[in-house]
PDB file of all heavy atoms in Angstrom:
ATOM      1  N   ALA A   1       0.833  -1.209   0.000  1.00  0.00           N
ATOM      2  CA  ALA A   1       0.000   0.000   0.000  1.00  0.00           C
ATOM      3  C   ALA A   1       0.865   1.256   0.000  1.00  0.00           C
ATOM      4  O   ALA A   1       0.562   2.230  -0.701  1.00  0.00           O
ATOM      5  CB  ALA A   1      -0.920  -0.023   1.218  1.00  0.00           C
ATOM      6  N   LYS A   2       1.951   1.226   0.750  1.00  0.00           N
ATOM      7  CA  LYS A   2       2.840   2.382   0.833  1.00  0.00           C
ATOM      8  C   LYS A   2       3.541   2.621  -0.493  1.00  0.00           C
ATOM      9  O   LYS A   2       3.644   3.764  -0.972  1.00  0.00           O
ATOM     10  CB  LYS A   2       3.866   2.155   1.944  1.00  0.00           C
ATOM     11  CG  LYS A   2       4.635   3.390   2.365  1.00  0.00           C
ATOM     12  CD  LYS A   2       5.405   3.137   3.654  1.00  0.00           C
ATOM     13  CE  LYS A   2       6.065   4.405   4.158  1.00  0.00           C
ATOM     14  NZ  LYS A   2       6.767   4.175   5.439  1.00  0.00           N
ATOM     15  N   LEU A   3       4.054   1.533  -1.119  1.00  0.00           N
ATOM     16  CA  LEU A   3       4.752   1.680  -2.399  1.00  0.00           C
ATOM     17  C   LEU A   3       3.785   2.091  -3.504  1.00  0.00           C
ATOM     18  O   LEU A   3       4.151   2.862  -4.403  1.00  0.00           O
ATOM     19  CB  LEU A   3       5.454   0.373  -2.762  1.00  0.00           C
ATOM     20  CG  LEU A   3       6.309   0.403  -4.030  1.00  0.00           C
ATOM     21  CD1 LEU A   3       7.446   1.413  -3.894  1.00  0.00           C
ATOM     22  CD2 LEU A   3       6.874  -0.985  -4.349  1.00  0.00           C
ATOM     23  N   ASP A   4       2.554   1.606  -3.436  1.00  0.00           N
ATOM     24  CA  ASP A   4       1.552   1.957  -4.448  1.00  0.00           C
ATOM     25  C   ASP A   4       1.264   3.451  -4.422  1.00  0.00           C
ATOM     26  O   ASP A   4       1.018   4.066  -5.468  1.00  0.00           O
ATOM     27  CB  ASP A   4       0.276   1.158  -4.199  1.00  0.00           C
ATOM     28  CG  ASP A   4      -0.713   1.285  -5.342  1.00  0.00           C
ATOM     29  OD1 ASP A   4      -0.284   1.222  -6.515  1.00  0.00           O
ATOM     30  OD2 ASP A   4      -1.916   1.451  -5.079  1.00  0.00           O
ATOM     31  N   THR A   5       1.321   4.041  -3.246  1.00  0.00           N
ATOM     32  CA  THR A   5       1.111   5.487  -3.125  1.00  0.00           C
ATOM     33  C   THR A   5       2.280   6.265  -3.740  1.00  0.00           C
ATOM     34  O   THR A   5       2.083   7.288  -4.404  1.00  0.00           O
ATOM     35  CB  THR A   5       0.956   5.876  -1.642  1.00  0.00           C
ATOM     36  OG1 THR A   5      -0.172   5.194  -1.093  1.00  0.00           O
ATOM     37  CG2 THR A   5       0.751   7.372  -1.498  1.00  0.00           C
ATOM     38  N   LYS A   6       3.504   5.739  -3.528  1.00  0.00           N
ATOM     39  CA  LYS A   6       4.695   6.419  -4.042  1.00  0.00           C
ATOM     40  C   LYS A   6       4.874   6.215  -5.542  1.00  0.00           C
ATOM     41  O   LYS A   6       5.309   7.122  -6.257  1.00  0.00           O
ATOM     42  CB  LYS A   6       5.932   5.888  -3.317  1.00  0.00           C
ATOM     43  CG  LYS A   6       6.071   6.336  -1.887  1.00  0.00           C
ATOM     44  CD  LYS A   6       7.384   5.808  -1.297  1.00  0.00           C
ATOM     45  CE  LYS A   6       7.600   6.288   0.120  1.00  0.00           C
ATOM     46  NZ  LYS A   6       8.886   5.759   0.675  1.00  0.00           N
ATOM     47  N   LYS A   7       4.575   5.010  -6.013  1.00  0.00           N
ATOM     48  CA  LYS A   7       4.811   4.666  -7.419  1.00  0.00           C
ATOM     49  C   LYS A   7       3.568   4.003  -8.016  1.00  0.00           C
ATOM     50  O   LYS A   7       3.546   2.803  -8.262  1.00  0.00           O
ATOM     51  CB  LYS A   7       6.035   3.758  -7.549  1.00  0.00           C
ATOM     52  CG  LYS A   7       7.328   4.422  -7.095  1.00  0.00           C
ATOM     53  CD  LYS A   7       8.553   3.588  -7.460  1.00  0.00           C
ATOM     54  CE  LYS A   7       9.829   4.334  -7.118  1.00  0.00           C
ATOM     55  NZ  LYS A   7      11.049   3.591  -7.534  1.00  0.00           N
ATOM     56  N   PRO A   8       2.527   4.777  -8.254  1.00  0.00           N
ATOM     57  CA  PRO A   8       1.269   4.217  -8.758  1.00  0.00           C
ATOM     58  C   PRO A   8       1.389   3.614 -10.151  1.00  0.00           C
ATOM     59  O   PRO A   8       0.510   2.862 -10.588  1.00  0.00           O
ATOM     60  CB  PRO A   8       0.315   5.416  -8.746  1.00  0.00           C
ATOM     61  CG  PRO A   8       1.219   6.611  -8.807  1.00  0.00           C
ATOM     62  CD  PRO A   8       2.455   6.228  -8.049  1.00  0.00           C
ATOM     63  N   GLN A   9       2.485   3.926 -10.866  1.00  0.00           N
ATOM     64  CA  GLN A   9       2.653   3.375 -12.214  1.00  0.00           C
ATOM     65  C   GLN A   9       3.018   1.892 -12.182  1.00  0.00           C
ATOM     66  O   GLN A   9       2.908   1.200 -13.208  1.00  0.00           O
ATOM     67  CB  GLN A   9       3.740   4.161 -12.978  1.00  0.00           C
ATOM     68  CG  GLN A   9       5.175   3.875 -12.553  1.00  0.00           C
ATOM     69  CD  GLN A   9       5.628   4.658 -11.336  1.00  0.00           C
ATOM     70  OE1 GLN A   9       4.819   5.278 -10.656  1.00  0.00           O
ATOM     71  NE2 GLN A   9       6.921   4.645 -11.084  1.00  0.00           N
ATOM     72  N   LEU A  10       3.464   1.399 -11.021  1.00  0.00           N
ATOM     73  CA  LEU A  10       3.826  -0.013 -10.900  1.00  0.00           C
ATOM     74  C   LEU A  10       2.600  -0.860 -10.577  1.00  0.00           C
ATOM     75  O   LEU A  10       1.731  -0.436  -9.805  1.00  0.00           O
ATOM     76  CB  LEU A  10       4.861  -0.203  -9.794  1.00  0.00           C
ATOM     77  CG  LEU A  10       6.235   0.440  -9.998  1.00  0.00           C
ATOM     78  CD1 LEU A  10       7.100   0.215  -8.770  1.00  0.00           C
ATOM     79  CD2 LEU A  10       6.918  -0.131 -11.235  1.00  0.00           C
ATOM     80  N   ASP A  11       2.547  -2.044 -11.153  1.00  0.00           N
ATOM     81  CA  ASP A  11       1.456  -2.972 -10.847  1.00  0.00           C
ATOM     82  C   ASP A  11       1.884  -3.832  -9.663  1.00  0.00           C
ATOM     83  O   ASP A  11       2.385  -4.947  -9.824  1.00  0.00           O
ATOM     84  CB  ASP A  11       1.136  -3.840 -12.063  1.00  0.00           C
ATOM     85  CG  ASP A  11      -0.081  -4.733 -11.853  1.00  0.00           C
ATOM     86  OD1 ASP A  11      -0.652  -4.702 -10.740  1.00  0.00           O
ATOM     87  OD2 ASP A  11      -0.450  -5.474 -12.784  1.00  0.00           O
ATOM     88  N   ILE A  12       1.684  -3.313  -8.463  1.00  0.00           N
ATOM     89  CA  ILE A  12       2.131  -3.978  -7.243  1.00  0.00           C
ATOM     90  C   ILE A  12       1.411  -5.304  -7.038  1.00  0.00           C
ATOM     91  O   ILE A  12       1.901  -6.196  -6.340  1.00  0.00           O
ATOM     92  CB  ILE A  12       1.917  -3.065  -6.018  1.00  0.00           C
ATOM     93  CG1 ILE A  12       2.523  -1.680  -6.259  1.00  0.00           C
ATOM     94  CG2 ILE A  12       2.525  -3.677  -4.762  1.00  0.00           C
ATOM     95  CD1 ILE A  12       4.013  -1.675  -6.440  1.00  0.00           C
ATOM     96  N   SER A  13       0.247  -5.468  -7.661  1.00  0.00           N
ATOM     97  CA  SER A  13      -0.529  -6.708  -7.477  1.00  0.00           C
ATOM     98  C   SER A  13       0.215  -7.937  -8.008  1.00  0.00           C
ATOM     99  O   SER A  13      -0.132  -9.072  -7.663  1.00  0.00           O
ATOM    100  CB  SER A  13      -1.889  -6.599  -8.176  1.00  0.00           C
ATOM    101  OG  SER A  13      -1.725  -6.534  -9.596  1.00  0.00           O
ATOM    102  N   LYS A  14       1.238  -7.724  -8.844  1.00  0.00           N
ATOM    103  CA  LYS A  14       1.999  -8.853  -9.377  1.00  0.00           C
ATOM    104  C   LYS A  14       2.884  -9.513  -8.319  1.00  0.00           C
ATOM    105  O   LYS A  14       3.333 -10.646  -8.505  1.00  0.00           O
ATOM    106  CB  LYS A  14       2.882  -8.377 -10.535  1.00  0.00           C
ATOM    107  CG  LYS A  14       2.118  -7.994 -11.791  1.00  0.00           C
ATOM    108  CD  LYS A  14       3.070  -7.619 -12.913  1.00  0.00           C
ATOM    109  CE  LYS A  14       2.324  -7.326 -14.200  1.00  0.00           C
ATOM    110  NZ  LYS A  14       3.260  -6.975 -15.309  1.00  0.00           N
ATOM    111  N   ALA A  15       3.167  -8.800  -7.244  1.00  0.00           N
ATOM    112  CA  ALA A  15       4.072  -9.317  -6.215  1.00  0.00           C
ATOM    113  C   ALA A  15       3.313 -10.213  -5.245  1.00  0.00           C
ATOM    114  O   ALA A  15       2.151  -9.965  -4.904  1.00  0.00           O
ATOM    115  CB  ALA A  15       4.727  -8.165  -5.460  1.00  0.00           C
ATOM    116  N   ARG A  16       4.004 -11.249  -4.776  1.00  0.00           N
ATOM    117  CA  ARG A  16       3.431 -12.127  -3.770  1.00  0.00           C
ATOM    118  C   ARG A  16       4.500 -12.462  -2.730  1.00  0.00           C
ATOM    119  O   ARG A  16       5.692 -12.461  -3.026  1.00  0.00           O
ATOM    120  CB  ARG A  16       2.874 -13.409  -4.383  1.00  0.00           C
ATOM    121  CG  ARG A  16       3.916 -14.355  -4.968  1.00  0.00           C
ATOM    122  CD  ARG A  16       3.233 -15.576  -5.589  1.00  0.00           C
ATOM    123  NE  ARG A  16       4.193 -16.596  -6.003  1.00  0.00           N
ATOM    124  CZ  ARG A  16       4.861 -16.581  -7.152  1.00  0.00           C
ATOM    125  NH1 ARG A  16       4.678 -15.590  -8.007  1.00  0.00           N
ATOM    126  NH2 ARG A  16       5.702 -17.563  -7.442  1.00  0.00           N
ATOM    127  N   LEU A  17       4.060 -12.739  -1.513  1.00  0.00           N
ATOM    128  CA  LEU A  17       4.942 -13.186  -0.434  1.00  0.00           C
ATOM    129  C   LEU A  17       4.773 -14.690  -0.312  1.00  0.00           C
ATOM    130  O   LEU A  17       3.644 -15.177  -0.187  1.00  0.00           O
ATOM    131  CB  LEU A  17       4.568 -12.496   0.872  1.00  0.00           C
ATOM    132  CG  LEU A  17       5.500 -12.745   2.061  1.00  0.00           C
ATOM    133  CD1 LEU A  17       6.830 -12.022   1.858  1.00  0.00           C
ATOM    134  CD2 LEU A  17       4.840 -12.282   3.363  1.00  0.00           C
ATOM    135  N   GLU A  18       5.892 -15.418  -0.356  1.00  0.00           N
ATOM    136  CA  GLU A  18       5.786 -16.877  -0.389  1.00  0.00           C
ATOM    137  C   GLU A  18       6.921 -17.534   0.381  1.00  0.00           C
ATOM    138  O   GLU A  18       8.080 -17.101   0.307  1.00  0.00           O
ATOM    139  CB  GLU A  18       5.809 -17.367  -1.845  1.00  0.00           C
ATOM    140  CG  GLU A  18       5.615 -18.853  -1.998  1.00  0.00           C
ATOM    141  CD  GLU A  18       5.441 -19.268  -3.464  1.00  0.00           C
ATOM    142  OE1 GLU A  18       4.622 -18.628  -4.166  1.00  0.00           O
ATOM    143  OE2 GLU A  18       6.132 -20.205  -3.901  1.00  0.00           O
ATOM    144  N   LYS A  19       6.589 -18.587   1.133  1.00  0.00           N
ATOM    145  CA  LYS A  19       7.602 -19.433   1.749  1.00  0.00           C
ATOM    146  C   LYS A  19       8.060 -20.444   0.701  1.00  0.00           C
ATOM    147  O   LYS A  19       7.235 -21.077   0.044  1.00  0.00           O
ATOM    148  CB  LYS A  19       7.039 -20.139   2.974  1.00  0.00           C
ATOM    149  CG  LYS A  19       6.748 -19.211   4.134  1.00  0.00           C
ATOM    150  CD  LYS A  19       6.227 -19.971   5.345  1.00  0.00           C
ATOM    151  CE  LYS A  19       5.980 -19.036   6.520  1.00  0.00           C
ATOM    152  NZ  LYS A  19       5.462 -19.757   7.710  1.00  0.00           N
ATOM    153  N   PHE A  20       9.363 -20.574   0.550  1.00  0.00           N
ATOM    154  CA  PHE A  20       9.925 -21.389  -0.531  1.00  0.00           C
ATOM    155  C   PHE A  20      10.975 -22.316   0.062  1.00  0.00           C
ATOM    156  O   PHE A  20      11.952 -21.864   0.662  1.00  0.00           O
ATOM    157  CB  PHE A  20      10.543 -20.461  -1.579  1.00  0.00           C
ATOM    158  CG  PHE A  20      11.198 -21.171  -2.745  1.00  0.00           C
ATOM    159  CD1 PHE A  20      10.516 -22.096  -3.499  1.00  0.00           C
ATOM    160  CD2 PHE A  20      12.517 -20.884  -3.076  1.00  0.00           C
ATOM    161  CE1 PHE A  20      11.114 -22.732  -4.585  1.00  0.00           C
ATOM    162  CE2 PHE A  20      13.134 -21.506  -4.155  1.00  0.00           C
ATOM    163  CZ  PHE A  20      12.422 -22.432  -4.907  1.00  0.00           C
ATOM    164  N   THR A  21      10.761 -23.627  -0.080  1.00  0.00           N
ATOM    165  CA  THR A  21      11.715 -24.626   0.363  1.00  0.00           C
ATOM    166  C   THR A  21      12.297 -25.303  -0.868  1.00  0.00           C
ATOM    167  O   THR A  21      11.602 -26.066  -1.550  1.00  0.00           O
ATOM    168  CB  THR A  21      11.059 -25.676   1.275  1.00  0.00           C
ATOM    169  OG1 THR A  21      10.394 -25.021   2.361  1.00  0.00           O
ATOM    170  CG2 THR A  21      12.098 -26.639   1.828  1.00  0.00           C
ATOM    171  N   GLU A  22      13.553 -25.047  -1.160  1.00  0.00           N
ATOM    172  CA  GLU A  22      14.149 -25.563  -2.387  1.00  0.00           C
ATOM    173  C   GLU A  22      14.646 -26.990  -2.233  1.00  0.00           C
ATOM    174  O   GLU A  22      14.621 -27.769  -3.182  1.00  0.00           O
ATOM    175  CB  GLU A  22      15.295 -24.646  -2.815  1.00  0.00           C
ATOM    176  CG  GLU A  22      15.727 -24.859  -4.245  1.00  0.00           C
ATOM    177  CD  GLU A  22      16.567 -23.702  -4.750  1.00  0.00           C
ATOM    178  OE1 GLU A  22      17.087 -22.923  -3.920  1.00  0.00           O
ATOM    179  OE2 GLU A  22      16.698 -23.583  -5.973  1.00  0.00           O
ATOM    180  N   GLY A  23      15.125 -27.344  -1.055  1.00  0.00           N
ATOM    181  CA  GLY A  23      15.551 -28.718  -0.816  1.00  0.00           C
ATOM    182  C   GLY A  23      16.912 -29.051  -1.400  1.00  0.00           C
ATOM    183  O   GLY A  23      17.793 -28.193  -1.515  1.00  0.00           O
ATOM    184  N   LEU A  24      17.075 -30.298  -1.793  1.00  0.00           N
ATOM    185  CA  LEU A  24      18.366 -30.815  -2.243  1.00  0.00           C
ATOM    186  C   LEU A  24      18.751 -30.232  -3.605  1.00  0.00           C
ATOM    187  O   LEU A  24      17.988 -30.310  -4.563  1.00  0.00           O
ATOM    188  CB  LEU A  24      18.309 -32.340  -2.333  1.00  0.00           C
ATOM    189  CG  LEU A  24      19.645 -33.075  -2.495  1.00  0.00           C
ATOM    190  CD1 LEU A  24      20.516 -32.887  -1.264  1.00  0.00           C
ATOM    191  CD2 LEU A  24      19.398 -34.562  -2.748  1.00  0.00           C
ATOM    192  N   CYS A  25      19.963 -29.652  -3.673  1.00  0.00           N
ATOM    193  CA  CYS A  25      20.446 -29.008  -4.896  1.00  0.00           C
ATOM    194  C   CYS A  25      21.950 -29.222  -5.041  1.00  0.00           C
ATOM    195  O   CYS A  25      22.638 -29.583  -4.088  1.00  0.00           O
ATOM    196  CB  CYS A  25      20.178 -27.502  -4.861  1.00  0.00           C
ATOM    197  SG  CYS A  25      18.444 -27.016  -4.814  1.00  0.00           S
ATOM    198  N   VAL A  26      22.447 -28.962  -6.232  1.00  0.00           N
ATOM    199  CA  VAL A  26      23.881 -28.825  -6.474  1.00  0.00           C
ATOM    200  C   VAL A  26      24.099 -27.390  -6.935  1.00  0.00           C
ATOM    201  O   VAL A  26      23.388 -26.898  -7.813  1.00  0.00           O
ATOM    202  CB  VAL A  26      24.389 -29.828  -7.517  1.00  0.00           C
ATOM    203  CG1 VAL A  26      25.843 -29.523  -7.904  1.00  0.00           C
ATOM    204  CG2 VAL A  26      24.273 -31.257  -6.996  1.00  0.00           C
ATOM    205  N   GLN A  27      25.112 -26.719  -6.360  1.00  0.00           N
ATOM    206  CA  GLN A  27      25.359 -25.326  -6.698  1.00  0.00           C
ATOM    207  C   GLN A  27      26.846 -25.079  -6.898  1.00  0.00           C
ATOM    208  O   GLN A  27      27.694 -25.840  -6.443  1.00  0.00           O
ATOM    209  CB  GLN A  27      24.828 -24.397  -5.609  1.00  0.00           C
ATOM    210  CG  GLN A  27      25.574 -24.500  -4.296  1.00  0.00           C
ATOM    211  CD  GLN A  27      25.062 -23.521  -3.238  1.00  0.00           C
ATOM    212  OE1 GLN A  27      24.028 -22.886  -3.395  1.00  0.00           O
ATOM    213  NE2 GLN A  27      25.791 -23.385  -2.148  1.00  0.00           N
ATOM    214  N   ALA A  28      27.135 -23.984  -7.594  1.00  0.00           N
ATOM    215  CA  ALA A  28      28.517 -23.538  -7.792  1.00  0.00           C
ATOM    216  C   ALA A  28      28.497 -22.053  -8.104  1.00  0.00           C
ATOM    217  O   ALA A  28      27.496 -21.513  -8.599  1.00  0.00           O
ATOM    218  CB  ALA A  28      29.189 -24.302  -8.917  1.00  0.00           C
ATOM    219  N   MET A  29      29.618 -21.392  -7.821  1.00  0.00           N
ATOM    220  CA  MET A  29      29.761 -19.981  -8.157  1.00  0.00           C
ATOM    221  C   MET A  29      30.247 -19.855  -9.597  1.00  0.00           C
ATOM    222  O   MET A  29      31.255 -20.458  -9.979  1.00  0.00           O
ATOM    223  CB  MET A  29      30.771 -19.308  -7.232  1.00  0.00           C
ATOM    224  CG  MET A  29      30.956 -17.818  -7.505  1.00  0.00           C
ATOM    225  SD  MET A  29      29.564 -16.840  -6.901  1.00  0.00           S
ATOM    226  CE  MET A  29      29.942 -16.820  -5.132  1.00  0.00           C
ATOM    227  N   HIS A  30      29.514 -19.095 -10.388  1.00  0.00           N
ATOM    228  CA  HIS A  30      29.945 -18.769 -11.753  1.00  0.00           C
ATOM    229  C   HIS A  30      30.556 -17.381 -11.733  1.00  0.00           C
ATOM    230  O   HIS A  30      29.928 -16.423 -11.259  1.00  0.00           O
ATOM    231  CB  HIS A  30      28.763 -18.809 -12.723  1.00  0.00           C
ATOM    232  CG  HIS A  30      29.080 -18.256 -14.080  1.00  0.00           C
ATOM    233  ND1 HIS A  30      29.817 -18.950 -15.002  1.00  0.00           N
ATOM    234  CD2 HIS A  30      28.778 -17.059 -14.652  1.00  0.00           C
ATOM    235  CE1 HIS A  30      29.947 -18.220 -16.089  1.00  0.00           C
ATOM    236  NE2 HIS A  30      29.328 -17.062 -15.904  1.00  0.00           N
ATOM    237  N   ILE A  31      31.779 -17.255 -12.225  1.00  0.00           N
ATOM    238  CA  ILE A  31      32.431 -15.954 -12.336  1.00  0.00           C
ATOM    239  C   ILE A  31      32.589 -15.634 -13.818  1.00  0.00           C
ATOM    240  O   ILE A  31      33.264 -16.357 -14.564  1.00  0.00           O
ATOM    241  CB  ILE A  31      33.794 -15.950 -11.623  1.00  0.00           C
ATOM    242  CG1 ILE A  31      33.606 -16.264 -10.130  1.00  0.00           C
ATOM    243  CG2 ILE A  31      34.483 -14.591 -11.785  1.00  0.00           C
ATOM    244  CD1 ILE A  31      34.889 -16.337  -9.345  1.00  0.00           C
ATOM    245  N   GLY A  32      31.958 -14.562 -14.247  1.00  0.00           N
ATOM    246  CA  GLY A  32      31.994 -14.197 -15.657  1.00  0.00           C
ATOM    247  C   GLY A  32      30.646 -13.683 -16.121  1.00  0.00           C
ATOM    248  O   GLY A  32      29.723 -13.485 -15.325  1.00  0.00           O
ATOM    249  N   SER A  33      30.521 -13.476 -17.401  1.00  0.00           N
ATOM    250  CA  SER A  33      29.295 -12.911 -17.966  1.00  0.00           C
ATOM    251  C   SER A  33      28.140 -13.899 -17.863  1.00  0.00           C
ATOM    252  O   SER A  33      28.337 -15.117 -17.778  1.00  0.00           O
ATOM    253  CB  SER A  33      29.520 -12.523 -19.426  1.00  0.00           C
ATOM    254  OG  SER A  33      29.610 -13.682 -20.232  1.00  0.00           O
ATOM    255  N   TYR A  34      26.938 -13.357 -17.895  1.00  0.00           N
ATOM    256  CA  TYR A  34      25.759 -14.212 -17.881  1.00  0.00           C
ATOM    257  C   TYR A  34      25.721 -15.118 -19.116  1.00  0.00           C
ATOM    258  O   TYR A  34      25.295 -16.273 -19.038  1.00  0.00           O
ATOM    259  CB  TYR A  34      24.492 -13.358 -17.826  1.00  0.00           C
ATOM    260  CG  TYR A  34      24.396 -12.463 -16.609  1.00  0.00           C
ATOM    261  CD1 TYR A  34      23.925 -11.153 -16.722  1.00  0.00           C
ATOM    262  CD2 TYR A  34      24.781 -12.915 -15.349  1.00  0.00           C
ATOM    263  CE1 TYR A  34      23.827 -10.328 -15.609  1.00  0.00           C
ATOM    264  CE2 TYR A  34      24.694 -12.099 -14.233  1.00  0.00           C
ATOM    265  CZ  TYR A  34      24.213 -10.806 -14.377  1.00  0.00           C
ATOM    266  OH  TYR A  34      24.124  -9.985 -13.276  1.00  0.00           O
ATOM    267  N   ASP A  35      26.186 -14.612 -20.244  1.00  0.00           N
ATOM    268  CA  ASP A  35      26.165 -15.405 -21.475  1.00  0.00           C
ATOM    269  C   ASP A  35      27.129 -16.597 -21.415  1.00  0.00           C
ATOM    270  O   ASP A  35      27.009 -17.527 -22.210  1.00  0.00           O
ATOM    271  CB  ASP A  35      26.523 -14.526 -22.677  1.00  0.00           C
ATOM    272  CG  ASP A  35      25.418 -13.546 -23.027  1.00  0.00           C
ATOM    273  OD1 ASP A  35      24.257 -13.805 -22.657  1.00  0.00           O
ATOM    274  OD2 ASP A  35      25.712 -12.521 -23.674  1.00  0.00           O
ATOM    275  N   ASP A  36      28.067 -16.560 -20.480  1.00  0.00           N
ATOM    276  CA  ASP A  36      29.032 -17.648 -20.330  1.00  0.00           C
ATOM    277  C   ASP A  36      28.593 -18.673 -19.281  1.00  0.00           C
ATOM    278  O   ASP A  36      29.329 -19.610 -18.968  1.00  0.00           O
ATOM    279  CB  ASP A  36      30.405 -17.067 -19.949  1.00  0.00           C
ATOM    280  CG  ASP A  36      31.530 -18.088 -20.064  1.00  0.00           C
ATOM    281  OD1 ASP A  36      31.481 -18.924 -20.983  1.00  0.00           O
ATOM    282  OD2 ASP A  36      32.457 -18.049 -19.222  1.00  0.00           O
ATOM    283  N   GLU A  37      27.385 -18.534 -18.762  1.00  0.00           N
ATOM    284  CA  GLU A  37      26.908 -19.458 -17.739  1.00  0.00           C
ATOM    285  C   GLU A  37      26.836 -20.919 -18.182  1.00  0.00           C
ATOM    286  O   GLU A  37      26.998 -21.818 -17.346  1.00  0.00           O
ATOM    287  CB  GLU A  37      25.539 -19.010 -17.227  1.00  0.00           C
ATOM    288  CG  GLU A  37      25.608 -17.819 -16.301  1.00  0.00           C
ATOM    289  CD  GLU A  37      24.253 -17.426 -15.761  1.00  0.00           C
ATOM    290  OE1 GLU A  37      23.291 -18.211 -15.941  1.00  0.00           O
ATOM    291  OE2 GLU A  37      24.146 -16.343 -15.169  1.00  0.00           O
ATOM    292  N   PRO A  38      26.571 -21.217 -19.472  1.00  0.00           N
ATOM    293  CA  PRO A  38      26.548 -22.635 -19.864  1.00  0.00           C
ATOM    294  C   PRO A  38      27.814 -23.387 -19.494  1.00  0.00           C
ATOM    295  O   PRO A  38      27.768 -24.606 -19.258  1.00  0.00           O
ATOM    296  CB  PRO A  38      26.353 -22.562 -21.383  1.00  0.00           C
ATOM    297  CG  PRO A  38      25.587 -21.302 -21.591  1.00  0.00           C
ATOM    298  CD  PRO A  38      26.148 -20.338 -20.583  1.00  0.00           C
TER     299      PRO A  38
END
């Protein structure tokens, strides 16, 4: 409600608050451009 008053041009209704449990994953740090992520 506060942000909608400040920035009425934004569609704040698109945002949602959600609890997210990702669970088991494999991860690594990529250093470099986004296009080099493969």
